[in-house]
Amino acid sequence: MNLKDRARQLKIDIPTLFIALKDKETPFTAKILAGIVVVYALSPVDLIPDFIPVLGYLDDLIILPALIAMTVKLIPSDIMKRCREKAEGSLKAKKNWLYAIPFVLVWIVILLYILHAIFS
């Protein structure tokens, strides 16, 4: 599997884990790890900030796929298959940009706080 295929798989696995997180049959430990993965993937804050050359992107290339792989191993294959089918269907559906609003608001608040600190 080349890098492009892995990136495509990540694009499917994150929504799959979000769906598995809400599934009643998903084991509790998998739900906890899936929640961590989804929050980390969607969070604008990284363990290593992206502005640090090379290291900033390594956490996205190593930590996130490793967390996803661990979570997928904890979810039974039949549940994972069902959730992956739902995720693929939702990716084909119209994208809803409303989910980005909380993250945009967080960044606006941070920016306003920085500007306030600079100009005060």
N, C-alpha and C. Protein backbone atom coordinates (compact mmCIF):
# COMPACT_ATOMS: atom_id res chain seq x y z
N MET A 1 0.85 -1.17 0.00
CA MET A 1 0.00 0.00 0.00
C MET A 1 0.90 1.24 0.00
N ASN A 2 0.73 2.10 -0.99
CA ASN A 2 1.57 3.29 -1.07
C ASN A 2 0.99 4.41 -0.21
N LEU A 3 1.71 5.52 -0.16
CA LEU A 3 1.32 6.64 0.70
C LEU A 3 -0.03 7.23 0.31
N LYS A 4 -0.30 7.30 -0.98
CA LYS A 4 -1.58 7.86 -1.44
C LYS A 4 -2.74 6.97 -1.01
N ASP A 5 -2.56 5.65 -1.07
CA ASP A 5 -3.61 4.73 -0.64
C ASP A 5 -3.83 4.82 0.87
N ARG A 6 -2.75 4.98 1.60
CA ARG A 6 -2.88 5.12 3.06
C ARG A 6 -3.61 6.40 3.43
N ALA A 7 -3.32 7.47 2.73
CA ALA A 7 -4.01 8.75 2.99
C ALA A 7 -5.50 8.61 2.68
N ARG A 8 -5.81 7.94 1.58
CA ARG A 8 -7.21 7.71 1.22
C ARG A 8 -7.90 6.86 2.28
N GLN A 9 -7.19 5.86 2.80
CA GLN A 9 -7.76 5.00 3.84
C GLN A 9 -8.00 5.79 5.12
N LEU A 10 -7.09 6.71 5.47
CA LEU A 10 -7.29 7.56 6.65
C LEU A 10 -8.55 8.40 6.50
N LYS A 11 -8.78 8.89 5.30
CA LYS A 11 -9.96 9.72 5.03
C LYS A 11 -11.24 8.95 5.30
N ILE A 12 -11.20 7.64 5.12
CA ILE A 12 -12.37 6.79 5.38
C ILE A 12 -12.39 6.32 6.83
N ASP A 13 -11.21 6.03 7.40
CA ASP A 13 -11.16 5.45 8.74
C ASP A 13 -11.61 6.41 9.84
N ILE A 14 -11.33 7.69 9.71
CA ILE A 14 -11.74 8.62 10.77
C ILE A 14 -13.26 8.70 10.88
N PRO A 15 -14.01 8.90 9.76
CA PRO A 15 -15.47 8.85 9.90
C PRO A 15 -15.98 7.47 10.32
N THR A 16 -15.27 6.42 9.91
CA THR A 16 -15.66 5.06 10.32
C THR A 16 -15.57 4.92 11.83
N LEU A 17 -14.50 5.42 12.41
CA LEU A 17 -14.34 5.35 13.85
C LEU A 17 -15.38 6.21 14.58
N PHE A 18 -15.75 7.34 13.99
CA PHE A 18 -16.79 8.17 14.59
C PHE A 18 -18.12 7.41 14.61
N ILE A 19 -18.42 6.71 13.53
CA ILE A 19 -19.65 5.91 13.47
C ILE A 19 -19.56 4.75 14.45
N ALA A 20 -18.40 4.10 14.53
CA ALA A 20 -18.22 2.99 15.47
C ALA A 20 -18.33 3.47 16.92
N LEU A 21 -17.93 4.69 17.16
CA LEU A 21 -18.02 5.28 18.50
C LEU A 21 -19.47 5.33 18.96
N LYS A 22 -20.39 5.56 18.04
CA LYS A 22 -21.81 5.66 18.38
C LYS A 22 -22.53 4.31 18.33
N ASP A 23 -21.87 3.28 17.79
CA ASP A 23 -22.48 1.96 17.64
C ASP A 23 -22.56 1.27 19.01
N LYS A 24 -23.73 0.71 19.32
CA LYS A 24 -23.95 0.06 20.62
C LYS A 24 -23.10 -1.20 20.80
N GLU A 25 -22.74 -1.84 19.70
CA GLU A 25 -22.00 -3.11 19.78
C GLU A 25 -20.48 -2.92 19.86
N THR A 26 -20.00 -1.70 19.70
CA THR A 26 -18.56 -1.45 19.79
C THR A 26 -18.11 -1.61 21.24
N PRO A 27 -17.03 -2.38 21.48
CA PRO A 27 -16.53 -2.55 22.85
C PRO A 27 -16.16 -1.21 23.50
N PHE A 28 -16.29 -1.15 24.81
CA PHE A 28 -16.07 0.09 25.56
C PHE A 28 -14.66 0.64 25.36
N THR A 29 -13.64 -0.22 25.43
CA THR A 29 -12.26 0.25 25.26
C THR A 29 -12.04 0.82 23.86
N ALA A 30 -12.67 0.20 22.88
CA ALA A 30 -12.56 0.72 21.51
C ALA A 30 -13.25 2.07 21.39
N LYS A 31 -14.36 2.24 22.11
CA LYS A 31 -15.06 3.53 22.08
C LYS A 31 -14.19 4.64 22.68
N ILE A 32 -13.51 4.34 23.76
CA ILE A 32 -12.64 5.33 24.38
C ILE A 32 -11.53 5.73 23.42
N LEU A 33 -10.85 4.73 22.85
CA LEU A 33 -9.76 5.02 21.92
C LEU A 33 -10.27 5.70 20.66
N ALA A 34 -11.44 5.29 20.17
CA ALA A 34 -12.03 5.94 18.98
C ALA A 34 -12.34 7.40 19.27
N GLY A 35 -12.84 7.69 20.46
CA GLY A 35 -13.10 9.08 20.85
C GLY A 35 -11.83 9.91 20.86
N ILE A 36 -10.76 9.34 21.38
CA ILE A 36 -9.47 10.03 21.39
C ILE A 36 -9.00 10.30 19.97
N VAL A 37 -9.12 9.30 19.10
CA VAL A 37 -8.68 9.44 17.71
C VAL A 37 -9.48 10.53 17.00
N VAL A 38 -10.79 10.51 17.14
CA VAL A 38 -11.64 11.49 16.46
C VAL A 38 -11.33 12.90 16.96
N VAL A 39 -11.22 13.07 18.26
CA VAL A 39 -10.92 14.40 18.81
C VAL A 39 -9.54 14.87 18.35
N TYR A 40 -8.55 13.98 18.37
CA TYR A 40 -7.20 14.36 17.95
C TYR A 40 -7.17 14.70 16.46
N ALA A 41 -7.89 13.93 15.67
CA ALA A 41 -7.89 14.16 14.22
C ALA A 41 -8.57 15.48 13.86
N LEU A 42 -9.60 15.84 14.58
CA LEU A 42 -10.35 17.04 14.26
C LEU A 42 -9.86 18.28 15.00
N SER A 43 -9.03 18.08 15.99
CA SER A 43 -8.55 19.20 16.79
C SER A 43 -7.53 20.03 16.04
N PRO A 44 -7.63 21.35 16.17
CA PRO A 44 -6.63 22.20 15.54
C PRO A 44 -5.31 22.21 16.33
N VAL A 45 -5.33 21.64 17.52
CA VAL A 45 -4.14 21.59 18.35
C VAL A 45 -3.50 20.21 18.24
N ASP A 46 -2.20 20.17 17.89
CA ASP A 46 -1.49 18.91 17.76
C ASP A 46 -0.56 18.70 18.95
N LEU A 47 -0.14 17.47 19.13
CA LEU A 47 0.83 17.15 20.16
C LEU A 47 2.14 17.90 19.89
N ILE A 48 2.56 17.90 18.64
CA ILE A 48 3.72 18.68 18.20
C ILE A 48 3.19 19.69 17.18
N PRO A 49 3.28 21.00 17.44
CA PRO A 49 2.72 21.99 16.53
C PRO A 49 3.29 21.87 15.11
N ASP A 50 2.45 22.10 14.11
CA ASP A 50 2.83 21.94 12.71
C ASP A 50 3.88 22.96 12.26
N PHE A 51 4.02 24.07 12.96
CA PHE A 51 4.99 25.08 12.52
C PHE A 51 6.43 24.67 12.83
N ILE A 52 6.62 23.60 13.62
CA ILE A 52 7.97 23.09 13.87
C ILE A 52 8.38 22.26 12.65
N PRO A 53 9.45 22.66 11.96
CA PRO A 53 9.83 21.97 10.72
C PRO A 53 10.01 20.46 10.93
N VAL A 54 9.52 19.71 10.02
CA VAL A 54 9.57 18.24 9.95
C VAL A 54 8.83 17.58 11.10
N LEU A 55 9.20 17.85 12.35
CA LEU A 55 8.56 17.21 13.50
C LEU A 55 7.08 17.51 13.59
N GLY A 56 6.69 18.71 13.18
CA GLY A 56 5.29 19.10 13.26
C GLY A 56 4.37 18.23 12.43
N TYR A 57 4.86 17.77 11.31
CA TYR A 57 4.03 16.90 10.46
C TYR A 57 4.25 15.43 10.75
N LEU A 58 5.34 15.09 11.41
CA LEU A 58 5.59 13.69 11.74
C LEU A 58 4.53 13.14 12.69
N ASP A 59 4.05 13.97 13.63
CA ASP A 59 3.03 13.46 14.53
C ASP A 59 1.75 13.11 13.77
N ASP A 60 1.43 13.89 12.73
CA ASP A 60 0.25 13.58 11.92
C ASP A 60 0.48 12.33 11.07
N LEU A 61 1.72 12.09 10.69
CA LEU A 61 2.04 10.93 9.85
C LEU A 61 2.28 9.66 10.65
N ILE A 62 2.58 9.80 11.94
CA ILE A 62 2.88 8.62 12.75
C ILE A 62 1.84 8.37 13.84
N ILE A 63 1.56 9.38 14.65
CA ILE A 63 0.67 9.19 15.80
C ILE A 63 -0.75 8.86 15.37
N LEU A 64 -1.31 9.65 14.47
CA LEU A 64 -2.70 9.43 14.06
C LEU A 64 -2.91 8.06 13.41
N PRO A 65 -2.10 7.66 12.42
CA PRO A 65 -2.28 6.32 11.86
C PRO A 65 -2.08 5.20 12.90
N ALA A 66 -1.16 5.39 13.83
CA ALA A 66 -0.95 4.37 14.86
C ALA A 66 -2.17 4.25 15.77
N LEU A 67 -2.74 5.40 16.16
CA LEU A 67 -3.96 5.38 16.98
C LEU A 67 -5.12 4.73 16.23
N ILE A 68 -5.23 5.04 14.95
CA ILE A 68 -6.30 4.45 14.14
C ILE A 68 -6.11 2.94 14.05
N ALA A 69 -4.90 2.49 13.80
CA ALA A 69 -4.63 1.05 13.68
C ALA A 69 -4.95 0.32 14.98
N MET A 70 -4.56 0.91 16.12
CA MET A 70 -4.88 0.29 17.42
C MET A 70 -6.38 0.20 17.63
N THR A 71 -7.09 1.25 17.27
CA THR A 71 -8.53 1.27 17.47
C THR A 71 -9.22 0.25 16.57
N VAL A 72 -8.80 0.18 15.31
CA VAL A 72 -9.41 -0.76 14.37
C VAL A 72 -9.23 -2.19 14.87
N LYS A 73 -8.09 -2.50 15.48
CA LYS A 73 -7.84 -3.86 15.99
C LYS A 73 -8.76 -4.20 17.17
N LEU A 74 -9.22 -3.17 17.89
CA LEU A 74 -10.10 -3.41 19.03
C LEU A 74 -11.56 -3.60 18.64
N ILE A 75 -11.91 -3.21 17.43
CA ILE A 75 -13.30 -3.29 16.97
C ILE A 75 -13.48 -4.58 16.17
N PRO A 76 -14.48 -5.40 16.54
CA PRO A 76 -14.73 -6.63 15.77
C PRO A 76 -14.94 -6.34 14.28
N SER A 77 -14.47 -7.23 13.43
CA SER A 77 -14.47 -6.99 11.98
C SER A 77 -15.87 -6.77 11.41
N ASP A 78 -16.89 -7.47 11.92
CA ASP A 78 -18.24 -7.26 11.38
C ASP A 78 -18.76 -5.86 11.68
N ILE A 79 -18.46 -5.36 12.88
CA ILE A 79 -18.87 -4.00 13.24
C ILE A 79 -18.09 -2.98 12.40
N MET A 80 -16.80 -3.23 12.24
CA MET A 80 -15.95 -2.32 11.46
C MET A 80 -16.43 -2.26 10.01
N LYS A 81 -16.79 -3.41 9.46
CA LYS A 81 -17.26 -3.46 8.07
C LYS A 81 -18.55 -2.65 7.92
N ARG A 82 -19.47 -2.84 8.85
CA ARG A 82 -20.75 -2.12 8.80
C ARG A 82 -20.53 -0.60 8.93
N CYS A 83 -19.66 -0.21 9.85
CA CYS A 83 -19.38 1.22 10.05
C CYS A 83 -18.64 1.82 8.86
N ARG A 84 -17.74 1.04 8.24
CA ARG A 84 -17.00 1.54 7.08
C ARG A 84 -17.97 1.77 5.90
N GLU A 85 -18.94 0.88 5.73
CA GLU A 85 -19.93 1.06 4.66
C GLU A 85 -20.74 2.33 4.88
N LYS A 86 -21.12 2.59 6.13
CA LYS A 86 -21.86 3.82 6.44
C LYS A 86 -21.00 5.05 6.19
N ALA A 87 -19.73 4.96 6.57
CA ALA A 87 -18.82 6.10 6.39
C ALA A 87 -18.60 6.39 4.92
N GLU A 88 -18.41 5.36 4.11
CA GLU A 88 -18.22 5.57 2.68
C GLU A 88 -19.46 6.20 2.05
N GLY A 89 -20.64 5.78 2.52
CA GLY A 89 -21.88 6.38 2.03
C GLY A 89 -22.01 7.83 2.43
N SER A 90 -21.58 8.16 3.65
CA SER A 90 -21.68 9.54 4.09
C SER A 90 -20.66 10.43 3.39
N LEU A 91 -19.51 9.87 3.01
CA LEU A 91 -18.52 10.67 2.28
C LEU A 91 -19.01 11.01 0.88
N LYS A 92 -19.82 10.13 0.32
CA LYS A 92 -20.36 10.39 -1.01
C LYS A 92 -21.52 11.38 -0.94
N ALA A 93 -22.14 11.49 0.23
CA ALA A 93 -23.25 12.43 0.40
C ALA A 93 -22.71 13.85 0.44
N LYS A 94 -23.63 14.80 0.42
CA LYS A 94 -23.25 16.21 0.45
C LYS A 94 -22.48 16.52 1.73
N LYS A 95 -21.37 17.22 1.58
CA LYS A 95 -20.54 17.56 2.74
C LYS A 95 -21.22 18.68 3.53
N ASN A 96 -21.19 18.55 4.83
CA ASN A 96 -21.80 19.53 5.71
C ASN A 96 -20.70 20.32 6.40
N TRP A 97 -20.57 21.57 6.04
CA TRP A 97 -19.52 22.43 6.58
C TRP A 97 -19.87 22.97 7.97
N LEU A 98 -21.05 22.65 8.46
CA LEU A 98 -21.43 23.13 9.79
C LEU A 98 -20.55 22.54 10.88
N TYR A 99 -19.98 21.37 10.63
CA TYR A 99 -19.11 20.74 11.63
C TYR A 99 -17.82 21.53 11.83
N ALA A 100 -17.46 22.36 10.89
CA ALA A 100 -16.23 23.15 11.00
C ALA A 100 -16.42 24.39 11.87
N ILE A 101 -17.66 24.80 12.10
CA ILE A 101 -17.93 26.03 12.84
C ILE A 101 -17.27 26.05 14.23
N PRO A 102 -17.37 25.00 15.06
CA PRO A 102 -16.73 25.08 16.38
C PRO A 102 -15.21 25.29 16.29
N PHE A 103 -14.55 24.65 15.34
CA PHE A 103 -13.11 24.80 15.21
C PHE A 103 -12.74 26.19 14.71
N VAL A 104 -13.53 26.72 13.80
CA VAL A 104 -13.28 28.08 13.30
C VAL A 104 -13.48 29.08 14.44
N LEU A 105 -14.51 28.87 15.25
CA LEU A 105 -14.75 29.77 16.38
C LEU A 105 -13.62 29.73 17.40
N VAL A 106 -13.08 28.55 17.65
CA VAL A 106 -11.95 28.42 18.58
C VAL A 106 -10.76 29.21 18.06
N TRP A 107 -10.48 29.08 16.77
CA TRP A 107 -9.34 29.81 16.18
C TRP A 107 -9.59 31.32 16.18
N ILE A 108 -10.81 31.75 15.97
CA ILE A 108 -11.12 33.19 16.03
C ILE A 108 -10.91 33.72 17.44
N VAL A 109 -11.35 32.98 18.43
CA VAL A 109 -11.16 33.41 19.82
C VAL A 109 -9.67 33.49 20.15
N ILE A 110 -8.91 32.50 19.72
CA ILE A 110 -7.46 32.52 19.96
C ILE A 110 -6.83 33.72 19.28
N LEU A 111 -7.20 33.98 18.04
CA LEU A 111 -6.66 35.11 17.30
C LEU A 111 -7.03 36.43 17.97
N LEU A 112 -8.27 36.57 18.40
CA LEU A 112 -8.68 37.79 19.09
C LEU A 112 -7.93 37.97 20.40
N TYR A 113 -7.70 36.88 21.11
CA TYR A 113 -6.95 36.95 22.36
C TYR A 113 -5.51 37.41 22.10
N ILE A 114 -4.89 36.87 21.07
CA ILE A 114 -3.52 37.27 20.72
C ILE A 114 -3.48 38.73 20.31
N LEU A 115 -4.43 39.16 19.47
CA LEU A 115 -4.47 40.55 19.05
C LEU A 115 -4.70 41.49 20.23
N HIS A 116 -5.56 41.08 21.14
CA HIS A 116 -5.83 41.88 22.34
C HIS A 116 -4.56 42.01 23.17
N ALA A 117 -3.82 40.90 23.31
CA ALA A 117 -2.57 40.92 24.10
C ALA A 117 -1.51 41.80 23.43
N ILE A 118 -1.47 41.80 22.12
CA ILE A 118 -0.47 42.58 21.40
C ILE A 118 -0.77 44.07 21.47
N PHE A 119 -2.02 44.44 21.24
CA PHE A 119 -2.38 45.86 21.12
C PHE A 119 -2.88 46.47 22.43
N SER A 120 -2.84 45.76 23.52
CA SER A 120 -3.27 46.33 24.81
C SER A 120 -2.13 46.91 25.58
